[in-house]
Amino acid sequence: GTAGYNFADLTKWDAYYRVIQAANILVSKLEEGIPAVNADLTKRYIAEAKFIRCFCYFQMVRLYGDVVYYTTPYQKDPLPRENMVSVINKCIEDLKGPKNDLPLVLNDPSLRGVRATRGAAIGLLMNMYMWNAGFDPTQKMKYYTETVALGEEITTSGVYRLINITDWATVAKGRSEESLFELFRTLNYNTDLNNPFAQANAYSPFGDAFIHFPYKQPEYTHRFNYAVFTDAYMQKLFPDQGADQRLTVWFTAPFDQNAETFQLKKFAVNTFIDANNPNLDINPDNTYLIMRYSDAILLAAEAYEELGNTAGTDKMMNMIRLRAVAPAFGQATGDGNRKDAIFWERAKELLGEGSHYFDLVRTKRILNKAYTDNPLTADKFGRGGWTWPIDASALSNNPYMTLNSYWIGTGL
């Protein structure tokens, strides 16, 4: 069954709106003025609140399509869902000015990637521009131009860097110089005195399904994975096989398609082993990566290519290829179709970080079996087959509310 995966929770958007409401109230109070908060901190806190608000709206748009949008602190009147392109454009306008009120870098390394910075805002804005480029074709060149400008801003800031691929465990652990924004998680954050590993077991990360002993303990219950990547998919990601260090650093037996040998080590690093408790079953001590420097670089590469600036594309792509010790862009198998090569580079570099499905959707590649084993027809895509259903509880007290029609009935 799927009950243990909490998929039903994804159909409920009320938690997002609780965060949005809190951000709206915070912005309102800060704009009124709080005596103990000086002008610079006021601007920074407003920018942080707007970042969180925009992040929530962006996440909801990618999950549900059209959403209810508001920024008033105490919204009591019901509102209808608003076109998602309009919502994202409002979020862009909401964030692009205040982003400059965020610190470029945080002096406390324990907060790196955890609190919003200018880099996090740039990453979010780039993602929002590229999402709208896929759904607002008449304005796509404007979105690409803005994405490129932001890509240059972040790559020339001197704040972020791609860490040596052999030190990947540093990135997976969290709060690295590669992190733009993350939901930091560690075994050390736990308040249950009776179970020191309660926090670690709360939610399994994506990678948990793709690893077994020795990255999961104990051996007798972890002799195989729950899932593997097919050989065909791995061949699409790594057509040159050995000519890419991500293949050796992130995988064991990558082309086996065998649950007893294949492992996705990308999220298996920082494994916790307690010699005094060999039966301890916990997940590796890694963070939840949300936005990484690589994501911004590859969005810029994609936008450059759409604008016809191949030199810009090459520059951005080769930042990623160089770190991976992979062939320069244009020299690897599959680089002949440049736009497809960028798409597969994102699929490879950001594997398991929550971007691939949304890349399929925004680029419409989800309609083509060459890119996914389960493509949507144009009819299903148009009727919202790419979205999640919305729980019927959203209808309560809102006569203007509608659910995603694709999921009402059979969806066929």
Protein backbone atom coordinates (compact mmCIF):
# COMPACT_ATOMS: atom_id res chain seq x y z
CA GLY A 1 0.00 0.00 0.00
CA THR A 2 0.93 3.67 -0.15
CA ALA A 3 -0.46 4.82 3.21
CA GLY A 4 3.00 4.92 4.77
CA TYR A 5 4.21 7.40 2.15
CA ASN A 6 1.74 10.12 3.23
CA PHE A 7 0.79 10.91 -0.38
CA ALA A 8 -2.65 12.05 0.78
CA ASP A 9 -0.98 14.96 2.59
CA LEU A 10 0.05 16.41 -0.77
CA THR A 11 -3.59 16.94 -1.68
CA LYS A 12 -4.09 19.32 1.26
CA TRP A 13 -2.85 22.83 0.77
CA ASP A 14 -3.96 24.32 4.10
CA ALA A 15 -0.48 24.02 5.63
CA TYR A 16 0.90 26.26 2.87
CA TYR A 17 -1.79 28.84 3.56
CA ARG A 18 -1.01 28.84 7.28
CA VAL A 19 2.58 29.76 6.41
CA ILE A 20 1.40 32.37 3.89
CA GLN A 21 -0.96 33.88 6.46
CA ALA A 22 1.87 34.12 8.99
CA ALA A 23 4.09 35.80 6.39
CA ASN A 24 1.33 38.24 5.46
CA ILE A 25 0.84 39.23 9.09
CA LEU A 26 4.59 39.62 9.62
CA VAL A 27 4.94 41.89 6.58
CA SER A 28 2.00 43.98 7.76
CA LYS A 29 3.36 44.42 11.28
CA LEU A 30 6.84 45.24 10.02
CA GLU A 31 5.47 47.81 7.59
CA GLU A 32 3.51 49.41 10.45
CA GLY A 33 6.78 49.65 12.35
CA ILE A 34 8.10 47.76 15.36
CA PRO A 35 10.01 50.04 17.77
CA ALA A 36 12.71 47.49 18.61
CA VAL A 37 13.53 46.76 14.96
CA ASN A 38 15.65 49.28 13.05
CA ALA A 39 15.06 50.26 9.42
CA ASP A 40 17.65 47.90 7.91
CA LEU A 41 16.41 44.89 9.86
CA THR A 42 12.83 45.81 9.02
CA LYS A 43 13.63 45.67 5.30
CA ARG A 44 15.50 42.39 5.71
CA TYR A 45 12.69 40.73 7.68
CA ILE A 46 10.10 41.91 5.17
CA ALA A 47 12.23 40.42 2.38
CA GLU A 48 12.55 37.12 4.27
CA ALA A 49 8.80 36.96 4.83
CA LYS A 50 8.13 37.70 1.16
CA PHE A 51 10.61 35.03 0.13
CA ILE A 52 8.78 32.42 2.23
CA ARG A 53 5.42 33.62 0.91
CA CYS A 54 6.58 33.41 -2.71
CA PHE A 55 8.22 30.05 -2.13
CA CYS A 56 4.93 28.64 -0.81
CA TYR A 57 2.95 30.00 -3.75
CA PHE A 58 5.50 28.60 -6.20
CA GLN A 59 5.36 25.18 -4.59
CA MET A 60 1.56 25.20 -4.72
CA VAL A 61 1.46 26.30 -8.35
CA ARG A 62 3.73 23.41 -9.32
CA LEU A 63 1.52 21.00 -7.41
CA TYR A 64 -1.98 22.28 -8.15
CA GLY A 65 -1.82 24.76 -11.03
CA ASP A 66 -4.17 27.71 -10.34
CA VAL A 67 -4.31 28.69 -6.66
CA VAL A 68 -5.99 31.26 -4.43
CA TYR A 69 -3.64 34.24 -4.09
CA TYR A 70 -3.71 36.96 -1.45
CA THR A 71 -1.22 39.03 0.56
CA THR A 72 -3.58 40.78 2.98
CA PRO A 73 -2.78 40.06 6.65
CA TYR A 74 -6.25 38.98 7.71
CA GLN A 75 -8.02 37.58 4.67
CA LYS A 76 -11.57 36.66 5.66
CA ASP A 77 -13.51 36.88 2.40
CA PRO A 78 -13.46 33.81 0.11
CA LEU A 79 -11.58 34.12 -3.16
CA PRO A 80 -11.52 32.06 -6.37
CA ARG A 81 -8.44 30.35 -7.74
CA GLU A 82 -6.29 32.61 -9.91
CA ASN A 83 -4.48 31.71 -13.13
CA MET A 84 -1.09 30.32 -12.16
CA VAL A 85 0.87 32.50 -14.61
CA SER A 86 -0.69 35.57 -13.00
CA VAL A 87 0.14 34.23 -9.52
CA ILE A 88 3.77 33.67 -10.43
CA ASN A 89 4.05 37.11 -12.03
CA LYS A 90 2.70 38.66 -8.83
CA CYS A 91 5.24 36.68 -6.81
CA ILE A 92 8.03 37.89 -9.09
CA GLU A 93 6.97 41.49 -8.57
CA ASP A 94 6.67 40.84 -4.84
CA LEU A 95 10.23 39.51 -4.54
CA LYS A 96 12.47 41.07 -7.18
CA GLY A 97 12.84 44.40 -5.35
CA PRO A 98 13.09 43.11 -1.76
CA LYS A 99 15.69 40.49 -2.78
CA ASN A 100 18.30 43.23 -2.57
CA ASP A 101 17.39 43.81 1.06
CA LEU A 102 18.52 40.27 1.87
CA PRO A 103 22.16 39.67 2.87
CA LEU A 104 24.41 38.42 0.12
CA VAL A 105 26.12 36.11 2.58
CA LEU A 106 25.43 35.06 6.16
CA ASN A 107 28.28 35.50 8.63
CA ASP A 108 27.06 32.53 10.67
CA PRO A 109 27.85 29.37 8.66
CA SER A 110 25.26 27.40 10.66
CA LEU A 111 22.56 29.48 8.91
CA ARG A 112 23.92 29.02 5.38
CA GLY A 113 21.09 27.73 3.17
CA VAL A 114 18.75 27.70 6.15
CA ARG A 115 17.71 31.36 6.23
CA ALA A 116 16.85 33.27 3.10
CA THR A 117 19.67 35.18 1.43
CA ARG A 118 19.89 37.09 -1.83
CA GLY A 119 21.12 33.89 -3.46
CA ALA A 120 18.02 32.00 -2.32
CA ALA A 121 15.80 34.76 -3.72
CA ILE A 122 17.71 34.72 -7.01
CA GLY A 123 17.28 30.94 -7.23
CA LEU A 124 13.57 31.19 -6.58
CA LEU A 125 13.10 34.02 -9.08
CA MET A 126 14.97 32.05 -11.76
CA ASN A 127 12.73 29.05 -11.16
CA MET A 128 9.60 31.21 -11.35
CA TYR A 129 10.70 32.90 -14.58
CA MET A 130 11.46 29.55 -16.21
CA TRP A 131 8.15 28.06 -15.06
CA ASN A 132 6.21 30.92 -16.62
CA ALA A 133 8.28 30.68 -19.82
CA GLY A 134 6.72 27.26 -20.32
CA PHE A 135 3.15 28.46 -19.84
CA ASP A 136 3.20 32.05 -21.13
CA PRO A 137 4.81 31.65 -24.58
CA THR A 138 4.14 35.20 -25.79
CA GLN A 139 6.37 36.53 -22.98
CA LYS A 140 8.95 33.74 -22.89
CA MET A 141 11.84 35.79 -24.29
CA LYS A 142 11.38 38.29 -21.47
CA TYR A 143 11.46 35.48 -18.92
CA TYR A 144 14.61 34.03 -20.47
CA THR A 145 16.32 37.42 -20.46
CA GLU A 146 15.52 37.94 -16.78
CA THR A 147 16.74 34.43 -15.95
CA VAL A 148 20.06 35.04 -17.70
CA ALA A 149 20.58 38.32 -15.84
CA LEU A 150 19.98 36.62 -12.51
CA GLY A 151 22.25 33.74 -13.50
CA GLU A 152 25.06 36.20 -14.15
CA GLU A 153 24.35 37.97 -10.87
CA ILE A 154 24.67 34.82 -8.80
CA THR A 155 27.64 33.32 -10.64
CA THR A 156 29.65 36.56 -10.40
CA SER A 157 28.75 37.21 -6.75
CA GLY A 158 31.68 35.15 -5.45
CA VAL A 159 29.50 33.74 -2.68
CA TYR A 160 28.69 30.27 -3.99
CA ARG A 161 30.88 27.52 -5.38
CA LEU A 162 30.58 23.99 -6.69
CA ILE A 163 32.35 21.80 -4.17
CA ASN A 164 34.73 19.12 -5.43
CA ILE A 165 32.65 16.09 -6.43
CA THR A 166 34.76 13.83 -4.22
CA ASP A 167 33.60 15.94 -1.24
CA TRP A 168 29.92 15.42 -2.08
CA ALA A 169 29.19 14.32 1.50
CA THR A 170 29.66 17.97 2.53
CA VAL A 171 26.87 19.04 0.19
CA ALA A 172 24.53 16.22 1.24
CA LYS A 173 25.13 16.99 4.90
CA GLY A 174 23.82 20.52 4.41
CA ARG A 175 24.72 24.16 4.98
CA SER A 176 27.45 24.04 2.34
CA GLU A 177 28.65 26.81 0.02
CA GLU A 178 26.58 25.11 -2.69
CA SER A 179 23.26 25.43 -0.86
CA LEU A 180 20.85 28.19 -1.81
CA PHE A 181 17.97 26.97 0.34
CA GLU A 182 17.29 23.78 2.27
CA LEU A 183 15.19 22.28 5.01
CA PHE A 184 18.06 21.47 7.32
CA ARG A 185 17.85 18.12 9.05
CA THR A 186 20.30 16.50 11.42
CA LEU A 187 20.32 13.77 14.05
CA ASN A 188 21.27 16.46 16.55
CA TYR A 189 17.89 18.20 16.26
CA ASN A 190 15.67 16.15 18.49
CA THR A 191 13.66 16.90 21.63
CA ASP A 192 12.43 13.37 22.46
CA LEU A 193 14.50 12.41 25.50
CA ASN A 194 13.17 8.86 25.39
CA ASN A 195 14.23 8.27 21.80
CA PRO A 196 17.37 10.09 20.69
CA PHE A 197 16.73 9.09 17.06
CA ALA A 198 13.07 10.11 16.82
CA GLN A 199 13.74 13.08 14.55
CA ALA A 200 15.87 11.00 12.21
CA ASN A 201 13.05 8.53 11.67
CA ALA A 202 10.29 11.11 11.21
CA TYR A 203 10.33 11.15 7.41
CA SER A 204 12.39 9.12 4.98
CA PRO A 205 14.16 11.13 2.27
CA PHE A 206 13.92 10.26 -1.42
CA GLY A 207 17.20 8.36 -1.40
CA ASP A 208 16.06 5.91 1.26
CA ALA A 209 14.29 3.81 -1.40
CA PHE A 210 17.52 3.34 -3.37
CA ILE A 211 20.00 2.16 -0.74
CA HIS A 212 20.66 -0.92 1.39
CA PHE A 213 23.43 -2.31 3.59
CA PRO A 214 26.03 -1.00 4.45
CA TYR A 215 24.33 2.39 4.10
CA LYS A 216 21.26 1.08 5.92
CA GLN A 217 21.43 -0.99 9.10
CA PRO A 218 20.94 -3.76 10.15
CA GLU A 219 22.11 -5.99 7.33
CA TYR A 220 19.49 -8.72 7.73
CA THR A 221 16.61 -6.33 6.98
CA HIS A 222 18.40 -4.20 4.36
CA ARG A 223 19.85 -6.59 1.79
CA PHE A 224 18.16 -4.91 -1.17
CA ASN A 225 16.62 -1.58 -2.26
CA TYR A 226 12.93 -0.81 -2.56
CA ALA A 227 13.60 0.70 -5.98
CA VAL A 228 16.21 0.99 -8.74
CA PHE A 229 16.67 3.07 -11.86
CA THR A 230 16.27 1.14 -15.06
CA ASP A 231 19.30 0.48 -17.23
CA ALA A 232 17.59 2.36 -20.07
CA TYR A 233 17.17 5.48 -17.94
CA MET A 234 20.74 5.33 -16.67
CA GLN A 235 21.97 5.06 -20.26
CA LYS A 236 20.09 8.27 -21.06
CA LEU A 237 21.71 10.05 -18.13
CA PHE A 238 25.21 8.67 -18.68
CA PRO A 239 25.56 7.63 -22.34
CA ASP A 240 29.36 7.80 -22.05
CA GLN A 241 29.25 5.76 -18.85
CA GLY A 242 32.65 6.14 -17.18
CA ALA A 243 33.42 9.66 -18.42
CA ASP A 244 31.70 11.38 -15.49
CA GLN A 245 32.73 11.20 -11.83
CA ARG A 246 29.12 11.59 -10.68
CA LEU A 247 28.63 8.03 -11.89
CA THR A 248 31.23 6.63 -9.50
CA VAL A 249 30.68 9.03 -6.57
CA TRP A 250 26.88 8.83 -6.61
CA PHE A 251 26.26 5.19 -7.62
CA THR A 252 27.20 1.58 -7.06
CA ALA A 253 26.54 -0.84 -9.94
CA PRO A 254 24.64 1.92 -11.81
CA PHE A 255 23.60 -0.12 -14.84
CA ASP A 256 22.69 -3.36 -13.03
CA GLN A 257 18.96 -2.69 -12.59
CA ASN A 258 19.31 -5.08 -9.64
CA ALA A 259 17.95 -4.21 -6.20
CA GLU A 260 20.67 -6.24 -4.50
CA THR A 261 23.58 -4.44 -6.20
CA PHE A 262 22.39 -1.02 -7.46
CA GLN A 263 22.70 1.83 -4.95
CA LEU A 264 22.19 5.58 -5.22
CA LYS A 265 25.03 6.72 -2.98
CA LYS A 266 24.25 10.38 -3.64
CA PHE A 267 22.01 10.30 -0.56
CA ALA A 268 23.74 7.44 1.27
CA VAL A 269 26.73 9.44 2.48
CA ASN A 270 26.93 10.49 6.14
CA THR A 271 25.57 7.11 7.21
CA PHE A 272 25.17 6.87 10.97
CA ILE A 273 26.40 3.66 12.57
CA ASP A 274 26.28 3.01 16.32
CA ALA A 275 28.67 0.19 17.30
CA ASN A 276 26.73 -0.27 20.52
CA ASN A 277 23.44 -0.64 18.66
CA PRO A 278 24.01 -2.68 15.46
CA ASN A 279 20.25 -3.07 14.94
CA LEU A 280 19.67 0.69 14.73
CA ASP A 281 17.63 1.49 11.61
CA ILE A 282 17.89 5.17 10.72
CA ASN A 283 18.40 7.17 7.56
CA PRO A 284 21.74 8.76 6.63
CA ASP A 285 22.31 12.07 8.39
CA ASN A 286 21.65 14.34 5.40
CA THR A 287 19.69 17.54 4.83
CA TYR A 288 16.69 18.10 2.54
CA LEU A 289 18.12 20.03 -0.42
CA ILE A 290 15.58 22.40 -2.01
CA MET A 291 17.63 24.77 -4.18
CA ARG A 292 21.29 24.32 -5.03
CA TYR A 293 23.80 26.46 -6.94
CA SER A 294 23.80 23.89 -9.75
CA ASP A 295 20.08 24.47 -10.29
CA ALA A 296 20.62 28.19 -10.91
CA ILE A 297 23.59 27.57 -13.22
CA LEU A 298 21.65 25.10 -15.36
CA LEU A 299 18.57 27.32 -15.54
CA ALA A 300 20.83 30.06 -16.83
CA ALA A 301 22.30 27.64 -19.40
CA GLU A 302 18.80 26.72 -20.58
CA ALA A 303 17.75 30.36 -20.85
CA TYR A 304 20.93 31.30 -22.72
CA GLU A 305 20.28 28.51 -25.23
CA GLU A 306 16.68 29.62 -25.75
CA LEU A 307 17.98 33.14 -26.48
CA GLY A 308 20.45 31.78 -29.01
CA ASN A 309 23.52 32.77 -26.97
CA THR A 310 25.55 29.58 -27.33
CA ALA A 311 28.63 31.08 -25.68
CA GLY A 312 26.59 31.78 -22.56
CA THR A 313 25.20 28.26 -22.64
CA ASP A 314 28.66 26.73 -22.97
CA LYS A 315 30.00 28.80 -20.07
CA MET A 316 27.25 27.69 -17.70
CA MET A 317 27.18 24.05 -18.82
CA ASN A 318 30.93 23.70 -18.50
CA MET A 319 30.85 24.89 -14.89
CA ILE A 320 28.80 21.78 -14.16
CA ARG A 321 30.78 19.48 -16.46
CA LEU A 322 34.12 20.65 -15.03
CA ARG A 323 33.09 19.85 -11.46
CA ALA A 324 31.83 16.42 -12.60
CA VAL A 325 35.12 15.77 -14.45
CA ALA A 326 32.98 15.11 -17.52
CA PRO A 327 33.53 15.99 -21.20
CA ALA A 328 33.13 19.66 -22.08
CA PHE A 329 29.73 20.62 -23.48
CA GLY A 330 29.56 19.63 -27.11
CA GLN A 331 32.01 16.76 -26.74
CA ALA A 332 29.87 14.16 -24.95
CA THR A 333 27.51 11.65 -26.52
CA GLY A 334 24.07 13.24 -26.71
CA ASP A 335 25.32 16.83 -26.89
CA GLY A 336 24.28 17.13 -30.56
CA ASN A 337 20.80 18.28 -29.57
CA ARG A 338 21.85 21.07 -27.26
CA LYS A 339 18.46 21.74 -25.68
CA ASP A 340 17.94 18.07 -24.92
CA ALA A 341 21.47 17.85 -23.54
CA ILE A 342 20.70 20.66 -21.08
CA PHE A 343 17.49 18.89 -20.03
CA TRP A 344 19.36 15.63 -19.38
CA GLU A 345 22.15 17.50 -17.59
CA ARG A 346 19.57 18.87 -15.16
CA ALA A 347 18.08 15.39 -14.77
CA LYS A 348 21.53 14.03 -13.96
CA GLU A 349 22.93 16.80 -11.77
CA LEU A 350 19.73 17.37 -9.76
CA LEU A 351 18.77 13.69 -9.50
CA GLY A 352 16.51 13.13 -6.50
CA GLU A 353 16.34 16.83 -5.58
CA GLY A 354 12.74 17.42 -6.64
CA SER A 355 13.16 19.19 -9.97
CA HIS A 356 12.94 16.56 -12.72
CA TYR A 357 9.17 16.07 -12.81
CA PHE A 358 8.59 19.82 -12.89
CA ASP A 359 11.16 20.16 -15.69
CA LEU A 360 9.16 17.58 -17.65
CA VAL A 361 5.99 19.60 -17.07
CA ARG A 362 7.24 23.13 -17.78
CA THR A 363 9.10 22.08 -20.95
CA LYS A 364 6.15 19.89 -22.10
CA ARG A 365 8.53 16.96 -22.49
CA ILE A 366 6.09 15.03 -20.34
CA LEU A 367 4.07 14.62 -23.55
CA ASN A 368 6.87 12.63 -25.21
CA LYS A 369 7.80 9.03 -24.42
CA ALA A 370 11.42 9.80 -25.32
CA TYR A 371 11.71 11.59 -21.96
CA THR A 372 9.42 9.59 -19.66
CA ASP A 373 8.04 6.08 -19.49
CA ASN A 374 4.63 7.47 -18.56
CA PRO A 375 3.84 10.37 -20.88
CA LEU A 376 0.62 12.36 -20.78
CA THR A 377 -1.49 12.97 -23.85
CA ALA A 378 -2.02 16.60 -24.85
CA ASP A 379 -5.66 16.24 -23.80
CA LYS A 380 -4.77 14.97 -20.32
CA PHE A 381 -2.11 17.64 -19.92
CA GLY A 382 -4.58 20.34 -20.91
CA ARG A 383 -7.11 19.06 -18.38
CA GLY A 384 -4.57 19.23 -15.57
CA GLY A 385 -3.33 15.66 -15.55
CA TRP A 386 0.10 16.95 -14.47
CA THR A 387 -1.31 18.40 -11.23
CA TRP A 388 -2.09 16.80 -7.90
CA PRO A 389 -5.73 16.50 -6.82
CA ILE A 390 -6.91 19.01 -4.23
CA ASP A 391 -8.62 17.64 -1.16
CA ALA A 392 -12.35 18.37 -0.98
CA SER A 393 -11.84 20.12 2.36
CA ALA A 394 -10.69 23.16 0.31
CA LEU A 395 -14.35 23.65 -0.69
CA SER A 396 -15.37 24.46 2.90
CA ASN A 397 -16.59 28.02 3.39
CA ASN A 398 -15.55 29.06 -0.11
CA PRO A 399 -18.33 29.15 -2.72
CA TYR A 400 -15.81 30.25 -5.39
CA MET A 401 -13.50 27.28 -4.91
CA THR A 402 -13.16 24.56 -7.56
CA LEU A 403 -11.16 21.32 -7.50
CA ASN A 404 -8.86 20.03 -10.22
CA SER A 405 -11.37 18.56 -12.67
CA TYR A 406 -9.00 15.96 -14.09
CA TRP A 407 -9.12 14.10 -10.77
CA ILE A 408 -12.90 14.13 -10.46
CA GLY A 409 -14.20 10.82 -11.76
CA THR A 410 -11.89 8.50 -13.67
CA GLY A 411 -9.58 11.13 -15.14
CA LEU A 412 -9.72 9.38 -18.49
